[in-house]
Structures are given as C-alpha cells and as structure tokens.
N, C-alpha and C. Protein backbone atom coordinates (compact mmCIF):
# COMPACT_ATOMS: atom_id res chain seq x y z
N UNK A 1 -7.13 75.20 31.37
CA UNK A 1 -8.39 75.69 30.89
C UNK A 1 -9.51 74.87 31.52
N UNK A 2 -10.49 75.50 32.07
CA UNK A 2 -11.60 74.78 32.67
C UNK A 2 -12.54 74.29 31.58
N UNK A 3 -13.42 73.36 31.98
CA UNK A 3 -14.39 72.81 31.03
C UNK A 3 -15.25 73.91 30.42
N UNK A 4 -15.65 74.89 31.23
CA UNK A 4 -16.51 75.95 30.71
C UNK A 4 -15.79 76.80 29.67
N UNK A 5 -14.47 76.87 29.75
CA UNK A 5 -13.70 77.64 28.77
C UNK A 5 -13.69 76.95 27.40
N UNK A 6 -13.94 75.65 27.36
CA UNK A 6 -13.87 74.91 26.10
C UNK A 6 -15.25 74.50 25.60
N UNK A 7 -16.31 74.94 26.26
CA UNK A 7 -17.64 74.47 25.88
C UNK A 7 -18.06 74.94 24.48
N UNK A 8 -17.45 75.99 23.97
CA UNK A 8 -17.78 76.46 22.63
C UNK A 8 -16.61 76.37 21.66
N UNK A 9 -15.57 75.64 22.04
CA UNK A 9 -14.40 75.48 21.19
C UNK A 9 -14.62 74.26 20.29
N UNK A 10 -14.49 74.43 18.98
CA UNK A 10 -14.68 73.28 18.09
C UNK A 10 -13.77 72.11 18.48
N UNK A 11 -14.22 70.92 18.16
CA UNK A 11 -13.50 69.70 18.49
C UNK A 11 -12.15 69.65 17.79
N UNK A 12 -12.06 70.17 16.58
CA UNK A 12 -10.83 70.13 15.81
C UNK A 12 -10.51 71.51 15.23
N UNK A 13 -9.26 71.72 14.94
CA UNK A 13 -8.83 72.96 14.28
C UNK A 13 -8.86 72.82 12.75
N UNK A 14 -9.17 71.61 12.27
CA UNK A 14 -9.26 71.38 10.82
C UNK A 14 -10.29 72.34 10.23
N UNK A 15 -10.00 72.82 9.04
CA UNK A 15 -10.90 73.75 8.34
C UNK A 15 -11.46 73.10 7.08
N UNK A 16 -12.79 73.17 6.87
CA UNK A 16 -13.36 72.66 5.62
C UNK A 16 -12.66 73.29 4.41
N UNK A 17 -12.49 72.48 3.39
CA UNK A 17 -11.81 72.95 2.19
C UNK A 17 -10.33 72.58 2.18
N UNK A 18 -9.82 72.11 3.32
CA UNK A 18 -8.43 71.66 3.40
C UNK A 18 -8.43 70.13 3.48
N UNK A 19 -7.31 69.49 3.17
CA UNK A 19 -7.28 68.02 3.23
C UNK A 19 -7.59 67.51 4.65
N UNK A 20 -8.38 66.46 4.71
CA UNK A 20 -8.69 65.84 6.00
C UNK A 20 -7.42 65.16 6.51
N UNK A 21 -7.06 65.41 7.77
CA UNK A 21 -5.85 64.78 8.30
C UNK A 21 -6.03 63.27 8.44
N UNK A 22 -4.98 62.55 8.14
CA UNK A 22 -5.01 61.09 8.25
C UNK A 22 -3.80 60.61 9.01
N UNK A 23 -3.97 59.53 9.77
CA UNK A 23 -2.80 58.96 10.44
C UNK A 23 -1.87 58.32 9.41
N UNK A 24 -0.64 58.07 9.81
CA UNK A 24 0.34 57.46 8.90
C UNK A 24 -0.19 56.12 8.37
N UNK A 25 -0.81 55.35 9.23
CA UNK A 25 -1.40 54.07 8.84
C UNK A 25 -2.90 54.14 9.01
N UNK A 26 -3.62 54.24 7.91
CA UNK A 26 -5.07 54.32 7.95
C UNK A 26 -5.63 52.91 8.12
N UNK A 27 -6.40 52.68 9.19
CA UNK A 27 -6.96 51.33 9.39
C UNK A 27 -7.82 50.90 8.21
N UNK A 28 -7.59 49.66 7.79
CA UNK A 28 -8.38 49.00 6.73
C UNK A 28 -8.25 49.68 5.37
N UNK A 29 -7.15 50.37 5.14
CA UNK A 29 -6.93 51.07 3.86
C UNK A 29 -6.87 50.11 2.68
N UNK A 30 -6.52 48.86 2.91
CA UNK A 30 -6.40 47.91 1.81
C UNK A 30 -7.76 47.30 1.42
N UNK A 31 -8.81 47.64 2.14
CA UNK A 31 -10.15 47.11 1.86
C UNK A 31 -10.98 48.13 1.09
N UNK A 32 -11.97 47.64 0.35
CA UNK A 32 -12.92 48.51 -0.33
C UNK A 32 -13.65 49.34 0.73
N UNK A 33 -13.67 50.65 0.55
CA UNK A 33 -14.34 51.57 1.47
C UNK A 33 -13.92 51.39 2.93
N UNK A 34 -12.70 50.90 3.14
CA UNK A 34 -12.17 50.72 4.50
C UNK A 34 -13.07 49.79 5.33
N UNK A 35 -13.77 48.89 4.66
CA UNK A 35 -14.71 47.93 5.26
C UNK A 35 -15.96 48.62 5.80
N UNK A 36 -16.19 49.85 5.39
CA UNK A 36 -17.36 50.59 5.85
C UNK A 36 -18.41 50.62 4.75
N UNK A 37 -19.66 50.51 5.15
CA UNK A 37 -20.78 50.64 4.22
C UNK A 37 -21.39 52.01 4.47
N UNK A 38 -21.28 52.94 3.51
CA UNK A 38 -21.84 54.28 3.74
C UNK A 38 -23.36 54.27 3.66
N UNK A 39 -24.00 55.28 4.24
CA UNK A 39 -25.46 55.39 4.11
C UNK A 39 -25.84 55.54 2.64
N UNK A 40 -27.05 55.10 2.30
CA UNK A 40 -27.53 55.18 0.93
C UNK A 40 -27.43 56.61 0.41
N UNK A 41 -26.89 56.77 -0.79
CA UNK A 41 -26.76 58.08 -1.41
C UNK A 41 -25.47 58.81 -1.07
N UNK A 42 -24.68 58.25 -0.18
CA UNK A 42 -23.41 58.88 0.20
C UNK A 42 -22.24 57.96 -0.09
N UNK A 43 -21.08 58.57 -0.27
CA UNK A 43 -19.83 57.84 -0.42
C UNK A 43 -19.09 57.88 0.92
N UNK A 44 -18.12 56.99 1.09
CA UNK A 44 -17.32 56.98 2.33
C UNK A 44 -16.64 58.34 2.52
N UNK A 45 -16.18 58.95 1.44
CA UNK A 45 -15.54 60.27 1.56
C UNK A 45 -16.53 61.33 2.04
N UNK A 46 -17.81 61.18 1.68
CA UNK A 46 -18.84 62.10 2.18
C UNK A 46 -19.01 61.94 3.69
N UNK A 47 -19.03 60.70 4.16
CA UNK A 47 -19.20 60.43 5.59
C UNK A 47 -18.04 61.05 6.36
N UNK A 48 -16.83 60.87 5.86
CA UNK A 48 -15.67 61.50 6.51
C UNK A 48 -15.84 63.01 6.57
N UNK A 49 -16.20 63.61 5.46
CA UNK A 49 -16.35 65.06 5.39
C UNK A 49 -17.43 65.55 6.35
N UNK A 50 -18.52 64.83 6.45
CA UNK A 50 -19.61 65.20 7.36
C UNK A 50 -19.11 65.24 8.80
N UNK A 51 -18.42 64.20 9.23
CA UNK A 51 -17.96 64.15 10.63
C UNK A 51 -16.86 65.17 10.90
N UNK A 52 -15.97 65.41 9.94
CA UNK A 52 -14.92 66.42 10.13
C UNK A 52 -15.53 67.82 10.13
N UNK A 53 -16.53 68.06 9.29
CA UNK A 53 -17.20 69.36 9.27
C UNK A 53 -17.90 69.60 10.61
N UNK A 54 -18.56 68.59 11.12
CA UNK A 54 -19.22 68.71 12.43
C UNK A 54 -18.18 68.99 13.52
N UNK A 55 -17.06 68.29 13.47
CA UNK A 55 -16.00 68.49 14.48
C UNK A 55 -15.40 69.89 14.39
N UNK A 56 -15.36 70.45 13.19
CA UNK A 56 -14.81 71.80 13.01
C UNK A 56 -15.83 72.87 13.36
N UNK A 57 -17.09 72.49 13.51
CA UNK A 57 -18.17 73.45 13.72
C UNK A 57 -18.75 73.45 15.13
N UNK A 58 -18.53 72.38 15.87
CA UNK A 58 -19.15 72.24 17.18
C UNK A 58 -18.16 71.81 18.25
N UNK A 59 -18.47 72.18 19.48
CA UNK A 59 -17.70 71.67 20.63
C UNK A 59 -18.22 70.27 20.96
N UNK A 60 -17.50 69.56 21.81
CA UNK A 60 -17.97 68.24 22.23
C UNK A 60 -19.33 68.34 22.93
N UNK A 61 -19.49 69.34 23.76
CA UNK A 61 -20.76 69.53 24.47
C UNK A 61 -21.90 69.80 23.49
N UNK A 62 -21.67 70.66 22.52
CA UNK A 62 -22.69 70.97 21.52
C UNK A 62 -23.05 69.74 20.70
N UNK A 63 -22.04 68.99 20.28
CA UNK A 63 -22.30 67.80 19.48
C UNK A 63 -23.01 66.73 20.32
N UNK A 64 -22.60 66.58 21.55
CA UNK A 64 -23.26 65.63 22.47
C UNK A 64 -24.76 65.96 22.55
N UNK A 65 -25.07 67.23 22.76
CA UNK A 65 -26.47 67.64 22.88
C UNK A 65 -27.22 67.46 21.56
N UNK A 66 -26.53 67.64 20.45
CA UNK A 66 -27.17 67.53 19.14
C UNK A 66 -27.48 66.08 18.75
N UNK A 67 -26.63 65.14 19.15
CA UNK A 67 -26.85 63.76 18.72
C UNK A 67 -27.62 62.92 19.73
N UNK A 68 -27.79 63.41 20.95
CA UNK A 68 -28.54 62.63 21.94
C UNK A 68 -29.97 62.32 21.50
N UNK A 69 -30.69 63.24 20.83
CA UNK A 69 -32.04 62.87 20.37
C UNK A 69 -32.03 61.68 19.40
N UNK A 70 -31.02 61.58 18.57
CA UNK A 70 -30.92 60.44 17.65
C UNK A 70 -30.74 59.15 18.44
N UNK A 71 -29.91 59.21 19.45
CA UNK A 71 -29.66 58.03 20.28
C UNK A 71 -30.91 57.70 21.11
N UNK A 72 -31.52 58.72 21.69
CA UNK A 72 -32.68 58.51 22.56
C UNK A 72 -33.88 57.92 21.84
N UNK A 73 -34.02 58.19 20.55
CA UNK A 73 -35.20 57.67 19.84
C UNK A 73 -35.02 56.23 19.36
N UNK A 74 -33.85 55.65 19.58
CA UNK A 74 -33.61 54.26 19.18
C UNK A 74 -34.39 53.32 20.08
N UNK A 75 -35.06 52.37 19.47
CA UNK A 75 -35.80 51.38 20.24
C UNK A 75 -35.27 49.97 20.01
N UNK A 76 -34.42 49.81 19.00
CA UNK A 76 -33.91 48.49 18.67
C UNK A 76 -32.39 48.58 18.46
N UNK A 77 -31.66 47.98 19.38
CA UNK A 77 -30.20 47.97 19.28
C UNK A 77 -29.71 46.61 18.79
N UNK A 78 -30.55 45.87 18.09
CA UNK A 78 -30.21 44.52 17.67
C UNK A 78 -29.55 44.40 16.31
N UNK A 79 -28.98 45.47 15.79
CA UNK A 79 -28.31 45.41 14.48
C UNK A 79 -27.02 44.61 14.63
N UNK A 80 -26.86 43.56 13.84
CA UNK A 80 -25.64 42.75 13.92
C UNK A 80 -24.68 43.04 12.78
N UNK A 81 -24.92 44.15 12.08
CA UNK A 81 -23.99 44.57 11.03
C UNK A 81 -23.11 45.66 11.64
N UNK A 82 -21.84 45.39 11.68
CA UNK A 82 -20.86 46.32 12.24
C UNK A 82 -19.81 46.63 11.19
N UNK A 83 -19.20 47.79 11.31
CA UNK A 83 -18.01 48.04 10.53
C UNK A 83 -17.04 48.88 11.35
N UNK A 84 -15.75 48.77 11.02
CA UNK A 84 -14.74 49.50 11.79
C UNK A 84 -14.73 50.99 11.41
N UNK A 85 -14.51 51.83 12.44
CA UNK A 85 -14.41 53.27 12.18
C UNK A 85 -13.10 53.85 12.68
N UNK A 86 -12.30 53.04 13.38
CA UNK A 86 -11.03 53.55 13.92
C UNK A 86 -10.19 52.37 14.42
N UNK A 87 -8.94 52.66 14.75
CA UNK A 87 -8.14 51.64 15.41
C UNK A 87 -8.57 51.58 16.88
N UNK A 88 -7.97 50.69 17.65
CA UNK A 88 -8.42 50.47 19.04
C UNK A 88 -8.26 51.69 19.93
N UNK A 89 -7.46 52.68 19.50
CA UNK A 89 -7.26 53.90 20.27
C UNK A 89 -8.14 55.05 19.78
N UNK A 90 -8.96 54.77 18.78
CA UNK A 90 -9.85 55.81 18.25
C UNK A 90 -9.25 56.62 17.12
N UNK A 91 -8.08 56.22 16.64
CA UNK A 91 -7.44 56.93 15.53
C UNK A 91 -7.87 56.34 14.20
N UNK A 92 -8.00 57.19 13.20
CA UNK A 92 -8.37 56.70 11.88
C UNK A 92 -8.83 57.83 11.00
N UNK A 93 -9.87 57.59 10.22
CA UNK A 93 -10.35 58.58 9.26
C UNK A 93 -11.29 59.60 9.86
N UNK A 94 -11.72 59.40 11.09
CA UNK A 94 -12.64 60.31 11.76
C UNK A 94 -11.93 60.95 12.95
N UNK A 95 -12.38 62.13 13.37
CA UNK A 95 -11.74 62.76 14.54
C UNK A 95 -11.83 61.83 15.76
N UNK A 96 -10.70 61.63 16.41
CA UNK A 96 -10.64 60.74 17.57
C UNK A 96 -11.66 61.13 18.64
N UNK A 97 -11.82 62.42 18.87
CA UNK A 97 -12.76 62.88 19.90
C UNK A 97 -14.19 62.45 19.58
N UNK A 98 -14.54 62.39 18.30
CA UNK A 98 -15.88 61.94 17.89
C UNK A 98 -16.05 60.46 18.23
N UNK A 99 -15.06 59.65 17.88
CA UNK A 99 -15.13 58.21 18.14
C UNK A 99 -15.27 57.97 19.64
N UNK A 100 -14.47 58.67 20.44
CA UNK A 100 -14.52 58.50 21.89
C UNK A 100 -15.85 58.99 22.46
N UNK A 101 -16.41 60.05 21.89
CA UNK A 101 -17.72 60.55 22.32
C UNK A 101 -18.79 59.48 22.06
N UNK A 102 -18.75 58.85 20.91
CA UNK A 102 -19.74 57.83 20.59
C UNK A 102 -19.63 56.64 21.53
N UNK A 103 -18.40 56.26 21.88
CA UNK A 103 -18.22 55.18 22.86
C UNK A 103 -18.85 55.56 24.19
N UNK A 104 -18.71 56.82 24.55
CA UNK A 104 -19.26 57.31 25.80
C UNK A 104 -20.79 57.36 25.78
N UNK A 105 -21.38 57.74 24.66
CA UNK A 105 -22.83 57.97 24.59
C UNK A 105 -23.66 56.74 24.24
N UNK A 106 -23.13 55.87 23.41
CA UNK A 106 -23.92 54.74 22.93
C UNK A 106 -23.90 53.58 23.93
N UNK A 107 -24.97 52.78 23.96
CA UNK A 107 -25.01 51.64 24.87
C UNK A 107 -23.87 50.66 24.60
N UNK A 108 -23.48 49.96 25.65
CA UNK A 108 -22.44 48.94 25.54
C UNK A 108 -22.84 47.93 24.46
N UNK A 109 -21.90 47.57 23.62
CA UNK A 109 -22.15 46.60 22.57
C UNK A 109 -22.57 47.20 21.24
N UNK A 110 -22.75 48.54 21.20
CA UNK A 110 -23.14 49.21 19.96
C UNK A 110 -21.90 49.74 19.24
N UNK A 111 -20.96 50.25 20.00
CA UNK A 111 -19.66 50.68 19.47
C UNK A 111 -18.64 50.27 20.52
N UNK A 112 -17.58 49.57 20.08
CA UNK A 112 -16.63 49.05 21.06
C UNK A 112 -15.33 48.61 20.38
N UNK A 113 -14.25 48.59 21.16
CA UNK A 113 -12.99 48.07 20.62
C UNK A 113 -13.01 46.54 20.62
N UNK A 114 -12.43 45.95 19.60
CA UNK A 114 -12.33 44.50 19.50
C UNK A 114 -10.89 44.12 19.86
N UNK A 115 -10.75 43.45 21.00
CA UNK A 115 -9.42 43.11 21.51
C UNK A 115 -8.89 41.80 20.94
N UNK A 116 -9.79 40.91 20.58
CA UNK A 116 -9.37 39.67 19.96
C UNK A 116 -10.28 39.40 18.78
N UNK A 117 -9.75 38.70 17.80
CA UNK A 117 -10.54 38.51 16.58
C UNK A 117 -11.77 37.66 16.89
N UNK A 118 -12.88 38.10 16.34
CA UNK A 118 -14.14 37.40 16.50
C UNK A 118 -14.48 36.76 15.16
N UNK A 119 -15.47 35.89 15.16
CA UNK A 119 -15.84 35.20 13.93
C UNK A 119 -17.28 35.47 13.57
N UNK A 120 -17.55 35.42 12.28
CA UNK A 120 -18.92 35.44 11.79
C UNK A 120 -19.60 34.14 12.21
N UNK A 121 -20.90 34.07 12.06
CA UNK A 121 -21.64 32.87 12.46
C UNK A 121 -21.19 31.64 11.66
N UNK A 122 -20.62 31.85 10.46
CA UNK A 122 -20.14 30.71 9.66
C UNK A 122 -18.71 30.30 10.03
N UNK A 123 -18.13 30.95 11.03
CA UNK A 123 -16.79 30.58 11.50
C UNK A 123 -15.66 31.36 10.86
N UNK A 124 -15.95 32.14 9.82
CA UNK A 124 -14.92 32.95 9.18
C UNK A 124 -14.51 34.09 10.12
N UNK A 125 -13.22 34.37 10.25
CA UNK A 125 -12.82 35.49 11.12
C UNK A 125 -13.25 36.83 10.53
N UNK A 126 -13.69 37.74 11.39
CA UNK A 126 -14.11 39.08 10.96
C UNK A 126 -12.92 39.96 10.63
N UNK A 127 -11.79 39.65 11.21
CA UNK A 127 -10.54 40.39 10.98
C UNK A 127 -10.68 41.86 11.35
N UNK A 128 -11.28 42.13 12.50
CA UNK A 128 -11.38 43.51 12.98
C UNK A 128 -10.69 43.68 14.33
N UNK A 129 -9.78 42.76 14.65
CA UNK A 129 -9.04 42.87 15.90
C UNK A 129 -8.28 44.20 15.93
N UNK A 130 -8.22 44.80 17.09
CA UNK A 130 -7.56 46.09 17.31
C UNK A 130 -8.26 47.26 16.62
N UNK A 131 -9.56 47.11 16.38
CA UNK A 131 -10.34 48.18 15.77
C UNK A 131 -11.53 48.51 16.67
N UNK A 132 -12.07 49.71 16.50
CA UNK A 132 -13.33 50.07 17.12
C UNK A 132 -14.39 49.89 16.04
N UNK A 133 -15.42 49.11 16.37
CA UNK A 133 -16.50 48.86 15.42
C UNK A 133 -17.80 49.46 15.96
N UNK A 134 -18.71 49.77 15.03
CA UNK A 134 -19.99 50.38 15.38
C UNK A 134 -21.10 49.73 14.58
N UNK A 135 -22.29 49.66 15.18
CA UNK A 135 -23.45 49.13 14.46
C UNK A 135 -23.73 50.03 13.26
N UNK A 136 -23.95 49.41 12.14
CA UNK A 136 -24.15 50.14 10.89
C UNK A 136 -25.37 51.06 10.95
N UNK A 137 -26.49 50.58 11.46
CA UNK A 137 -27.72 51.37 11.44
C UNK A 137 -27.58 52.68 12.22
N UNK A 138 -27.05 52.63 13.44
CA UNK A 138 -26.93 53.86 14.23
C UNK A 138 -25.87 54.77 13.62
N UNK A 139 -24.83 54.23 13.05
CA UNK A 139 -23.80 55.05 12.38
C UNK A 139 -24.42 55.82 11.22
N UNK A 140 -25.26 55.15 10.45
CA UNK A 140 -25.93 55.80 9.32
C UNK A 140 -26.88 56.89 9.81
N UNK A 141 -27.67 56.59 10.84
CA UNK A 141 -28.61 57.59 11.35
C UNK A 141 -27.88 58.79 11.94
N UNK A 142 -26.84 58.54 12.70
CA UNK A 142 -26.06 59.65 13.27
C UNK A 142 -25.42 60.48 12.16
N UNK A 143 -24.88 59.82 11.15
CA UNK A 143 -24.24 60.54 10.05
C UNK A 143 -25.25 61.43 9.33
N UNK A 144 -26.42 60.91 9.03
CA UNK A 144 -27.45 61.71 8.35
C UNK A 144 -27.88 62.90 9.22
N UNK A 145 -28.09 62.67 10.50
CA UNK A 145 -28.53 63.74 11.40
C UNK A 145 -27.44 64.79 11.59
N UNK A 146 -26.19 64.36 11.67
CA UNK A 146 -25.08 65.31 11.81
C UNK A 146 -24.94 66.13 10.53
N UNK A 147 -25.16 65.51 9.38
CA UNK A 147 -25.12 66.26 8.12
C UNK A 147 -26.11 67.42 8.16
N UNK A 148 -27.30 67.18 8.67
CA UNK A 148 -28.32 68.23 8.73
C UNK A 148 -27.93 69.36 9.67
N UNK A 149 -27.03 69.09 10.61
CA UNK A 149 -26.56 70.12 11.55
C UNK A 149 -25.42 70.96 10.99
N UNK A 150 -24.69 70.40 10.04
CA UNK A 150 -23.49 71.08 9.52
C UNK A 150 -23.86 72.42 8.89
N UNK A 151 -23.00 73.43 9.09
CA UNK A 151 -23.25 74.73 8.44
C UNK A 151 -23.31 74.55 6.92
N UNK A 152 -24.38 75.04 6.32
CA UNK A 152 -24.60 74.85 4.88
C UNK A 152 -23.47 75.44 4.04
N UNK A 153 -22.88 76.55 4.51
CA UNK A 153 -21.81 77.17 3.73
C UNK A 153 -20.50 76.39 3.77
N UNK A 154 -20.46 75.33 4.58
CA UNK A 154 -19.26 74.50 4.68
C UNK A 154 -19.37 73.21 3.87
N UNK A 155 -20.53 72.99 3.25
CA UNK A 155 -20.77 71.73 2.55
C UNK A 155 -20.63 71.90 1.03
N UNK A 156 -20.09 70.87 0.36
CA UNK A 156 -20.05 70.91 -1.10
C UNK A 156 -21.47 70.76 -1.67
N UNK A 157 -21.64 71.12 -2.93
CA UNK A 157 -22.97 71.17 -3.54
C UNK A 157 -23.71 69.84 -3.48
N UNK A 158 -23.03 68.71 -3.68
CA UNK A 158 -23.74 67.44 -3.67
C UNK A 158 -24.29 67.10 -2.28
N UNK A 159 -23.62 67.54 -1.22
CA UNK A 159 -24.16 67.32 0.12
C UNK A 159 -25.26 68.33 0.44
N UNK A 160 -25.16 69.53 -0.12
CA UNK A 160 -26.25 70.49 0.03
C UNK A 160 -27.54 69.95 -0.60
N UNK A 161 -27.41 69.30 -1.74
CA UNK A 161 -28.57 68.69 -2.39
C UNK A 161 -29.18 67.61 -1.50
N UNK A 162 -28.31 66.83 -0.86
CA UNK A 162 -28.76 65.79 0.06
C UNK A 162 -29.55 66.41 1.21
N UNK A 163 -29.03 67.52 1.77
CA UNK A 163 -29.70 68.24 2.86
C UNK A 163 -31.03 68.80 2.39
N UNK A 164 -31.06 69.40 1.21
CA UNK A 164 -32.30 69.97 0.67
C UNK A 164 -33.37 68.90 0.50
N UNK A 165 -32.98 67.75 -0.02
CA UNK A 165 -33.93 66.65 -0.18
C UNK A 165 -34.46 66.19 1.18
N UNK A 166 -33.58 66.13 2.17
CA UNK A 166 -34.03 65.75 3.52
C UNK A 166 -34.97 66.79 4.09
N UNK A 167 -34.65 68.07 3.87
CA UNK A 167 -35.52 69.16 4.35
C UNK A 167 -36.90 69.09 3.72
N UNK A 168 -36.96 68.65 2.47
CA UNK A 168 -38.22 68.57 1.73
C UNK A 168 -38.94 67.24 1.97
N UNK A 169 -38.28 66.36 2.73
CA UNK A 169 -38.89 65.06 3.02
C UNK A 169 -38.84 64.09 1.87
N UNK A 170 -37.88 64.30 0.96
CA UNK A 170 -37.75 63.39 -0.20
C UNK A 170 -36.83 62.24 0.10
C-alpha cells in the first residue's frame, strides 16, 4: 500500500466504546496514575481515551497537521517536569504510532527514550529507565487541543462538558 493509500486511514482499528487495548505489562502500573500528571480537570483515564479516540478518528497525516499549530506556537521548551508515556519502544497506554509521531515532531529533549537511569537534582533516581518521557506542559497542551478535535459523538458526557467549556472560553 502506498503512502497516499493510507493518508485517510485511522491510526488504529480500536473503536470508541470498547476497552482500550493494553500491553501485557503496562509501564509504571504500580505507581499512582502511572507516574503521569493529567491536565487540570481530567483524569489519566480521560487522557488515554482522548488519544485513543484521536487515533481511531484520524490518520497519521491528519493528526500531524492538526497538532503542528500547537507545537509551532510554543516559545518556551524549558519545562523540566517530565513523565513517562510509554516503554522505550513506544508501547504502553497510548497508541504506539502516536508516541512515535510525537518523537518525530517535537524538538529533541522534549520527548525521548531514557536509556539509563537519570537523577533528580537532589540525587534521587528518577526511575524512568527504559521509558519514553515527555515534558508535562506540551503533553497537557497537546492533549487539550486533541480533545477539541475529537468527534463529539465519540466522547463521553464529562468530556463533552470539558469541550463545551473550552468552546465558551471558560
């Protein structure tokens, strides 16, 4: 199949309303919220649903075009708060193709695999070796913007309320 044949094919065959697929070993499952801090007003399960809904609704090309404005408007990449979103191969709670797309689109050092354990400034190990980590601020902004792109008929009522509030500027 040529690239043009897949330009409108959704990233995943997963369908909203069905269980989100998970790998046998979910990275950071033993931690609160999988070591992820969700955007204000959302739960980690909401973030997962948003990205899976986007993957089920858009091709990689469409999603790339949709999120580039969010990336392009960034003026400060100095966020030092990171959290893991996948294992080192991009597998985890989010569609692998999404994780790999973000690695491709975001500047070096914003989302990346951690090959050896790094430490916090106080010397404590971060314990994110063999994971892909992303800056919290851009992850939150991308998640909010992707939510606004998701087909409204595919979202549960609490996320529809979130979208309505965003539409109204609240």
